[in-house]
């Protein structure tokens, strides 16, 4: 447990240098669930096997034993919606994969339920625009 905490602290110190380029700190648990919190002014503490991330009125508490990945991201993680390749973030890659799917080129990794944003059973340009809106923060 001490070794994990030391590694986390070292990782946080090295990641601090990159924080200015990204808006969110994103966490992925071993069950695949993801959560993001604004990185500006973020404070992370460890207590009783939990990691507590606080930023003003936002608080995120995660079990350290379940934490699988922690990284800075330009977009807020959305727990699947729009994340068609299941990498934990919604970005231009998801847009391109969805466009490819719409024009008949099925990508090797493509989660249809994450692409069908309006839940109409079809993946089309409306869903592509929805993913773009997620990236722009308008969805």
N, C-alpha and C. Protein backbone atom coordinates (compact mmCIF):
# COMPACT_ATOMS: atom_id res chain seq x y z
N UNK A 1 0.82 -1.18 0.00
CA UNK A 1 0.00 0.00 0.00
C UNK A 1 0.87 1.26 0.00
N UNK A 2 1.95 1.24 0.83
CA UNK A 2 2.86 2.38 0.86
C UNK A 2 3.50 2.60 -0.50
N UNK A 3 3.85 1.50 -1.15
CA UNK A 3 4.50 1.57 -2.45
C UNK A 3 3.56 2.23 -3.48
N UNK A 4 2.29 1.87 -3.43
CA UNK A 4 1.30 2.45 -4.34
C UNK A 4 1.16 3.95 -4.09
N UNK A 5 1.10 4.33 -2.83
CA UNK A 5 0.97 5.76 -2.50
C UNK A 5 2.19 6.55 -2.95
N UNK A 6 3.36 5.98 -2.76
CA UNK A 6 4.58 6.66 -3.20
C UNK A 6 4.58 6.83 -4.71
N UNK A 7 4.18 5.79 -5.43
CA UNK A 7 4.11 5.87 -6.89
C UNK A 7 3.08 6.91 -7.33
N UNK A 8 1.95 6.97 -6.64
CA UNK A 8 0.94 7.97 -6.98
C UNK A 8 1.44 9.38 -6.75
N UNK A 9 2.12 9.60 -5.65
CA UNK A 9 2.67 10.93 -5.35
C UNK A 9 3.71 11.32 -6.39
N UNK A 10 4.58 10.38 -6.76
CA UNK A 10 5.58 10.67 -7.78
C UNK A 10 4.93 10.97 -9.13
N UNK A 11 3.90 10.22 -9.46
CA UNK A 11 3.19 10.46 -10.72
C UNK A 11 2.54 11.83 -10.71
N UNK A 12 1.94 12.19 -9.60
CA UNK A 12 1.29 13.51 -9.49
C UNK A 12 2.32 14.63 -9.65
N UNK A 13 3.49 14.45 -9.08
CA UNK A 13 4.53 15.48 -9.18
C UNK A 13 4.97 15.66 -10.62
N UNK A 14 5.14 14.57 -11.34
CA UNK A 14 5.58 14.68 -12.73
C UNK A 14 4.46 15.19 -13.63
N UNK A 15 3.23 14.86 -13.31
CA UNK A 15 2.10 15.32 -14.11
C UNK A 15 1.78 16.79 -13.89
N UNK A 16 2.21 17.34 -12.77
CA UNK A 16 1.95 18.75 -12.47
C UNK A 16 2.48 19.65 -13.57
N UNK A 17 3.59 19.26 -14.18
CA UNK A 17 4.20 20.05 -15.24
C UNK A 17 3.30 20.15 -16.47
N UNK A 18 2.45 19.14 -16.70
CA UNK A 18 1.59 19.12 -17.87
C UNK A 18 0.20 19.67 -17.59
N UNK A 19 -0.15 19.94 -16.38
CA UNK A 19 -1.51 20.30 -15.99
C UNK A 19 -2.02 21.56 -16.67
N UNK A 20 -1.15 22.50 -16.97
CA UNK A 20 -1.60 23.75 -17.57
C UNK A 20 -2.21 23.56 -18.95
N UNK A 21 -1.87 22.48 -19.65
CA UNK A 21 -2.38 22.24 -20.99
C UNK A 21 -3.73 21.53 -21.00
N UNK A 22 -4.20 21.05 -19.86
CA UNK A 22 -5.42 20.25 -19.82
C UNK A 22 -6.39 20.80 -18.78
N UNK A 23 -7.66 20.65 -19.07
CA UNK A 23 -8.71 21.19 -18.21
C UNK A 23 -9.13 20.23 -17.11
N UNK A 24 -9.03 18.92 -17.35
CA UNK A 24 -9.57 17.93 -16.42
C UNK A 24 -8.53 16.91 -15.98
N UNK A 25 -8.71 16.39 -14.77
CA UNK A 25 -7.99 15.22 -14.30
C UNK A 25 -9.03 14.10 -14.37
N UNK A 26 -8.70 13.04 -15.08
CA UNK A 26 -9.64 11.95 -15.30
C UNK A 26 -9.12 10.69 -14.62
N UNK A 27 -10.03 9.96 -14.01
CA UNK A 27 -9.71 8.74 -13.28
C UNK A 27 -10.50 7.59 -13.87
N UNK A 28 -9.85 6.44 -14.07
CA UNK A 28 -10.53 5.25 -14.56
C UNK A 28 -10.35 4.15 -13.55
N UNK A 29 -11.45 3.54 -13.13
CA UNK A 29 -11.41 2.44 -12.16
C UNK A 29 -11.26 1.11 -12.88
N UNK A 30 -10.93 0.07 -12.13
CA UNK A 30 -10.72 -1.26 -12.71
C UNK A 30 -11.99 -1.83 -13.31
N UNK A 31 -13.17 -1.33 -12.90
CA UNK A 31 -14.43 -1.80 -13.49
C UNK A 31 -14.77 -1.07 -14.79
N UNK A 32 -13.90 -0.13 -15.21
CA UNK A 32 -14.11 0.60 -16.45
C UNK A 32 -14.82 1.93 -16.28
N UNK A 33 -15.36 2.19 -15.09
CA UNK A 33 -16.04 3.46 -14.88
C UNK A 33 -15.02 4.59 -14.86
N UNK A 34 -15.44 5.75 -15.33
CA UNK A 34 -14.55 6.90 -15.39
C UNK A 34 -15.21 8.11 -14.76
N UNK A 35 -14.38 9.02 -14.28
CA UNK A 35 -14.87 10.27 -13.70
C UNK A 35 -13.81 11.34 -13.91
N UNK A 36 -14.26 12.56 -14.08
CA UNK A 36 -13.35 13.68 -14.28
C UNK A 36 -13.67 14.79 -13.30
N UNK A 37 -12.65 15.60 -13.02
CA UNK A 37 -12.81 16.77 -12.17
C UNK A 37 -11.90 17.87 -12.75
N UNK A 38 -12.33 19.10 -12.67
CA UNK A 38 -11.54 20.21 -13.19
C UNK A 38 -10.18 20.23 -12.51
N UNK A 39 -9.11 20.37 -13.32
CA UNK A 39 -7.76 20.28 -12.76
C UNK A 39 -7.26 21.59 -12.15
N UNK A 40 -7.78 22.72 -12.55
CA UNK A 40 -7.33 24.00 -12.01
C UNK A 40 -7.71 24.10 -10.53
N UNK A 41 -6.72 24.28 -9.68
CA UNK A 41 -6.96 24.39 -8.24
C UNK A 41 -7.26 23.07 -7.56
N UNK A 42 -6.95 21.97 -8.21
CA UNK A 42 -7.25 20.64 -7.69
C UNK A 42 -6.31 20.26 -6.54
N UNK A 43 -6.89 19.71 -5.48
CA UNK A 43 -6.14 19.19 -4.36
C UNK A 43 -6.50 17.72 -4.19
N UNK A 44 -5.49 16.86 -4.10
CA UNK A 44 -5.73 15.43 -3.92
C UNK A 44 -5.11 14.99 -2.60
N UNK A 45 -5.91 14.31 -1.79
CA UNK A 45 -5.42 13.76 -0.51
C UNK A 45 -5.76 12.27 -0.46
N UNK A 46 -5.06 11.56 0.41
CA UNK A 46 -5.28 10.13 0.59
C UNK A 46 -5.59 9.86 2.05
N UNK A 47 -6.69 9.11 2.27
CA UNK A 47 -7.12 8.83 3.63
C UNK A 47 -7.90 7.52 3.67
N UNK A 48 -7.54 6.63 4.57
CA UNK A 48 -8.25 5.37 4.78
C UNK A 48 -8.50 4.59 3.49
N UNK A 49 -7.48 4.49 2.64
CA UNK A 49 -7.61 3.73 1.41
C UNK A 49 -8.40 4.43 0.31
N UNK A 50 -8.69 5.70 0.52
CA UNK A 50 -9.45 6.48 -0.46
C UNK A 50 -8.60 7.63 -0.97
N UNK A 51 -8.83 8.00 -2.23
CA UNK A 51 -8.25 9.19 -2.80
C UNK A 51 -9.37 10.22 -2.88
N UNK A 52 -9.13 11.40 -2.36
CA UNK A 52 -10.15 12.45 -2.35
C UNK A 52 -9.62 13.62 -3.16
N UNK A 53 -10.30 13.91 -4.27
CA UNK A 53 -9.94 15.03 -5.13
C UNK A 53 -10.96 16.15 -4.92
N UNK A 54 -10.47 17.35 -4.59
CA UNK A 54 -11.36 18.48 -4.30
C UNK A 54 -10.94 19.68 -5.13
N UNK A 55 -11.92 20.32 -5.71
CA UNK A 55 -11.69 21.55 -6.47
C UNK A 55 -12.89 22.46 -6.25
N UNK A 56 -12.77 23.38 -5.33
CA UNK A 56 -13.90 24.27 -5.03
C UNK A 56 -15.10 23.49 -4.56
N UNK A 57 -16.19 23.51 -5.35
CA UNK A 57 -17.40 22.80 -4.95
C UNK A 57 -17.47 21.37 -5.50
N UNK A 58 -16.46 20.95 -6.27
CA UNK A 58 -16.42 19.58 -6.80
C UNK A 58 -15.61 18.69 -5.86
N UNK A 59 -16.14 17.51 -5.56
CA UNK A 59 -15.40 16.53 -4.76
C UNK A 59 -15.58 15.16 -5.41
N UNK A 60 -14.50 14.43 -5.52
CA UNK A 60 -14.52 13.10 -6.09
C UNK A 60 -13.75 12.19 -5.15
N UNK A 61 -14.39 11.10 -4.69
CA UNK A 61 -13.76 10.15 -3.78
C UNK A 61 -13.71 8.79 -4.46
N UNK A 62 -12.51 8.21 -4.51
CA UNK A 62 -12.32 6.92 -5.16
C UNK A 62 -11.53 5.98 -4.25
N UNK A 63 -11.83 4.69 -4.33
CA UNK A 63 -11.09 3.66 -3.61
C UNK A 63 -9.76 3.45 -4.33
N UNK A 64 -8.65 3.62 -3.62
CA UNK A 64 -7.32 3.51 -4.23
C UNK A 64 -7.12 2.12 -4.85
N UNK A 65 -7.63 1.09 -4.21
CA UNK A 65 -7.48 -0.27 -4.73
C UNK A 65 -8.18 -0.49 -6.05
N UNK A 66 -9.19 0.32 -6.35
CA UNK A 66 -9.94 0.20 -7.61
C UNK A 66 -9.41 1.13 -8.69
N UNK A 67 -8.54 2.08 -8.34
CA UNK A 67 -8.03 3.06 -9.30
C UNK A 67 -7.09 2.38 -10.27
N UNK A 68 -7.42 2.48 -11.55
CA UNK A 68 -6.65 1.81 -12.59
C UNK A 68 -5.78 2.77 -13.39
N UNK A 69 -6.27 3.99 -13.60
CA UNK A 69 -5.58 4.94 -14.45
C UNK A 69 -5.97 6.35 -14.03
N UNK A 70 -5.00 7.26 -14.08
CA UNK A 70 -5.22 8.65 -13.73
C UNK A 70 -4.45 9.49 -14.73
N UNK A 71 -5.13 10.45 -15.40
CA UNK A 71 -4.45 11.23 -16.42
C UNK A 71 -5.14 12.57 -16.63
N UNK A 72 -4.40 13.54 -17.18
CA UNK A 72 -4.97 14.82 -17.54
C UNK A 72 -5.63 14.68 -18.90
N UNK A 73 -6.74 15.37 -19.11
CA UNK A 73 -7.43 15.33 -20.39
C UNK A 73 -7.99 16.70 -20.74
N UNK A 74 -8.13 16.94 -22.02
CA UNK A 74 -8.67 18.21 -22.49
C UNK A 74 -10.19 18.21 -22.43
N UNK A 75 -10.80 17.03 -22.42
CA UNK A 75 -12.26 16.93 -22.36
C UNK A 75 -12.67 16.14 -21.12
N UNK A 76 -13.86 16.42 -20.65
CA UNK A 76 -14.37 15.74 -19.47
C UNK A 76 -14.87 14.35 -19.84
N UNK A 77 -14.49 13.35 -19.07
CA UNK A 77 -14.95 11.99 -19.29
C UNK A 77 -16.46 11.92 -19.07
N UNK A 78 -17.13 11.14 -19.87
CA UNK A 78 -18.59 11.14 -19.86
C UNK A 78 -19.17 9.76 -19.59
N UNK A 79 -18.42 8.88 -18.95
CA UNK A 79 -18.89 7.52 -18.65
C UNK A 79 -19.53 6.82 -19.84
N UNK A 80 -18.85 6.87 -20.95
CA UNK A 80 -19.28 6.10 -22.10
C UNK A 80 -19.92 6.89 -23.22
N UNK A 81 -20.81 7.81 -22.91
CA UNK A 81 -21.51 8.54 -23.97
C UNK A 81 -20.51 9.28 -24.86
N UNK A 82 -20.45 8.87 -26.13
CA UNK A 82 -19.55 9.50 -27.07
C UNK A 82 -18.18 8.84 -27.15
N UNK A 83 -17.83 8.06 -26.14
CA UNK A 83 -16.52 7.39 -26.12
C UNK A 83 -16.63 6.07 -26.86
N UNK A 84 -16.62 6.11 -28.18
CA UNK A 84 -16.90 4.92 -28.99
C UNK A 84 -15.77 3.91 -29.01
N UNK A 85 -14.54 4.33 -28.69
CA UNK A 85 -13.42 3.38 -28.64
C UNK A 85 -13.05 2.99 -27.21
N UNK A 86 -13.82 3.47 -26.24
CA UNK A 86 -13.68 3.08 -24.83
C UNK A 86 -12.29 3.35 -24.27
N UNK A 87 -11.70 4.51 -24.63
CA UNK A 87 -10.39 4.86 -24.08
C UNK A 87 -10.50 5.80 -22.88
N UNK A 88 -11.74 6.12 -22.48
CA UNK A 88 -11.94 6.94 -21.29
C UNK A 88 -12.10 8.42 -21.56
N UNK A 89 -11.92 8.86 -22.79
CA UNK A 89 -12.12 10.27 -23.14
C UNK A 89 -12.89 10.37 -24.45
N UNK A 90 -13.55 11.49 -24.61
CA UNK A 90 -14.25 11.76 -25.86
C UNK A 90 -13.43 12.80 -26.60
N UNK A 91 -12.96 12.42 -27.80
CA UNK A 91 -12.10 13.32 -28.57
C UNK A 91 -12.32 13.11 -30.07
N UNK A 92 -11.48 13.73 -30.87
CA UNK A 92 -11.63 13.67 -32.33
C UNK A 92 -11.55 12.24 -32.86
N UNK A 93 -10.85 11.37 -32.18
CA UNK A 93 -10.79 9.96 -32.60
C UNK A 93 -12.17 9.34 -32.59
N UNK A 94 -12.97 9.66 -31.57
CA UNK A 94 -14.34 9.14 -31.49
C UNK A 94 -15.19 9.69 -32.63
N UNK A 95 -14.98 10.95 -32.98
CA UNK A 95 -15.70 11.54 -34.12
C UNK A 95 -15.36 10.79 -35.40
N UNK A 96 -14.08 10.59 -35.65
CA UNK A 96 -13.64 9.94 -36.89
C UNK A 96 -14.12 8.48 -36.96
N UNK A 97 -14.06 7.77 -35.84
CA UNK A 97 -14.54 6.39 -35.83
C UNK A 97 -16.04 6.33 -36.12
N UNK A 98 -16.79 7.29 -35.58
CA UNK A 98 -18.23 7.31 -35.81
C UNK A 98 -18.55 7.68 -37.26
N UNK A 99 -17.82 8.64 -37.82
CA UNK A 99 -17.99 8.98 -39.24
C UNK A 99 -17.71 7.74 -40.10
N UNK A 100 -16.62 7.04 -39.80
CA UNK A 100 -16.30 5.82 -40.55
C UNK A 100 -17.42 4.80 -40.45
N UNK A 101 -17.99 4.66 -39.27
CA UNK A 101 -19.11 3.71 -39.09
C UNK A 101 -20.31 4.14 -39.93
N UNK A 102 -20.62 5.43 -39.93
CA UNK A 102 -21.76 5.95 -40.67
C UNK A 102 -21.60 5.70 -42.18
N UNK A 103 -20.38 5.81 -42.70
CA UNK A 103 -20.16 5.61 -44.14
C UNK A 103 -19.88 4.15 -44.49
N UNK A 104 -20.04 3.26 -43.52
CA UNK A 104 -19.95 1.83 -43.81
C UNK A 104 -18.62 1.16 -43.54
N UNK A 105 -17.69 1.87 -42.97
CA UNK A 105 -16.39 1.28 -42.63
C UNK A 105 -16.40 0.98 -41.13
N UNK A 106 -16.66 -0.26 -40.77
CA UNK A 106 -16.76 -0.62 -39.37
C UNK A 106 -15.38 -0.67 -38.73
N UNK A 107 -15.13 0.21 -37.74
CA UNK A 107 -13.83 0.21 -37.04
C UNK A 107 -13.65 -1.07 -36.23
N UNK A 108 -12.40 -1.42 -35.95
CA UNK A 108 -12.12 -2.64 -35.18
C UNK A 108 -12.66 -2.54 -33.75
N UNK A 109 -12.59 -1.36 -33.15
CA UNK A 109 -13.17 -1.14 -31.83
C UNK A 109 -14.22 -0.04 -31.98
N UNK A 110 -15.49 -0.40 -31.75
CA UNK A 110 -16.55 0.58 -31.89
C UNK A 110 -17.73 0.15 -31.02
N UNK A 111 -17.99 0.92 -29.96
CA UNK A 111 -19.10 0.62 -29.07
C UNK A 111 -20.35 1.36 -29.54
N UNK A 112 -21.24 0.64 -30.19
CA UNK A 112 -22.42 1.26 -30.78
C UNK A 112 -23.29 1.96 -29.75
N UNK A 113 -23.44 1.36 -28.57
CA UNK A 113 -24.29 1.98 -27.54
C UNK A 113 -23.72 3.32 -27.06
N UNK A 114 -22.40 3.51 -27.15
CA UNK A 114 -21.80 4.80 -26.78
C UNK A 114 -21.93 5.82 -27.91
N UNK A 115 -22.13 5.34 -29.14
CA UNK A 115 -22.24 6.23 -30.30
C UNK A 115 -23.66 6.73 -30.52
N UNK A 116 -24.65 5.97 -30.12
CA UNK A 116 -26.05 6.34 -30.34
C UNK A 116 -26.52 7.31 -29.26
N UNK A 117 -26.09 8.56 -29.38
CA UNK A 117 -26.33 9.55 -28.32
C UNK A 117 -27.79 9.89 -28.13
N UNK A 118 -28.57 9.89 -29.20
CA UNK A 118 -29.98 10.24 -29.05
C UNK A 118 -30.87 9.01 -28.84
N UNK A 119 -30.26 7.85 -28.70
CA UNK A 119 -30.95 6.59 -28.38
C UNK A 119 -32.10 6.28 -29.33
N UNK A 120 -31.92 6.57 -30.62
CA UNK A 120 -32.97 6.26 -31.59
C UNK A 120 -32.76 4.92 -32.29
N UNK A 121 -31.69 4.21 -31.91
CA UNK A 121 -31.41 2.91 -32.51
C UNK A 121 -30.60 2.99 -33.79
N UNK A 122 -30.30 4.20 -34.25
CA UNK A 122 -29.51 4.42 -35.46
C UNK A 122 -28.31 5.28 -35.14
N UNK A 123 -27.20 4.99 -35.79
CA UNK A 123 -26.02 5.83 -35.65
C UNK A 123 -25.86 6.59 -36.95
N UNK A 124 -25.96 7.92 -36.86
CA UNK A 124 -25.94 8.75 -38.06
C UNK A 124 -25.29 10.11 -37.75
N UNK A 125 -25.45 11.05 -38.67
CA UNK A 125 -24.81 12.36 -38.54
C UNK A 125 -25.26 13.09 -37.27
N UNK A 126 -26.46 12.85 -36.83
CA UNK A 126 -26.94 13.47 -35.58
C UNK A 126 -26.07 13.05 -34.41
N UNK A 127 -25.69 11.78 -34.37
CA UNK A 127 -24.82 11.28 -33.31
C UNK A 127 -23.41 11.84 -33.45
N UNK A 128 -22.92 11.96 -34.69
CA UNK A 128 -21.60 12.57 -34.93
C UNK A 128 -21.59 13.98 -34.37
N UNK A 129 -22.64 14.75 -34.68
CA UNK A 129 -22.73 16.13 -34.17
C UNK A 129 -22.82 16.14 -32.63
N UNK A 130 -23.49 15.16 -32.07
CA UNK A 130 -23.57 15.06 -30.61
C UNK A 130 -22.21 14.83 -29.97
N UNK A 131 -21.39 14.00 -30.60
CA UNK A 131 -20.04 13.75 -30.08
C UNK A 131 -19.21 15.02 -30.18
N UNK A 132 -19.34 15.73 -31.30
CA UNK A 132 -18.63 17.01 -31.44
C UNK A 132 -19.07 17.98 -30.35
N UNK A 133 -20.35 18.01 -30.05
CA UNK A 133 -20.86 18.89 -28.99
C UNK A 133 -20.33 18.50 -27.62
N UNK A 134 -20.14 17.20 -27.37
CA UNK A 134 -19.54 16.77 -26.11
C UNK A 134 -18.13 17.32 -26.01
N UNK A 135 -17.36 17.23 -27.10
CA UNK A 135 -15.99 17.74 -27.10
C UNK A 135 -15.97 19.23 -26.84
N UNK A 136 -16.92 19.94 -27.45
CA UNK A 136 -16.99 21.40 -27.28
C UNK A 136 -17.63 21.83 -25.96
N UNK A 137 -18.12 20.85 -25.19
CA UNK A 137 -18.73 21.16 -23.90
C UNK A 137 -20.15 21.66 -24.00
N UNK A 138 -20.82 21.43 -25.14
CA UNK A 138 -22.17 21.94 -25.34
C UNK A 138 -23.24 20.86 -25.23
N UNK A 139 -22.87 19.65 -24.89
CA UNK A 139 -23.86 18.56 -24.84
C UNK A 139 -24.19 18.23 -23.41
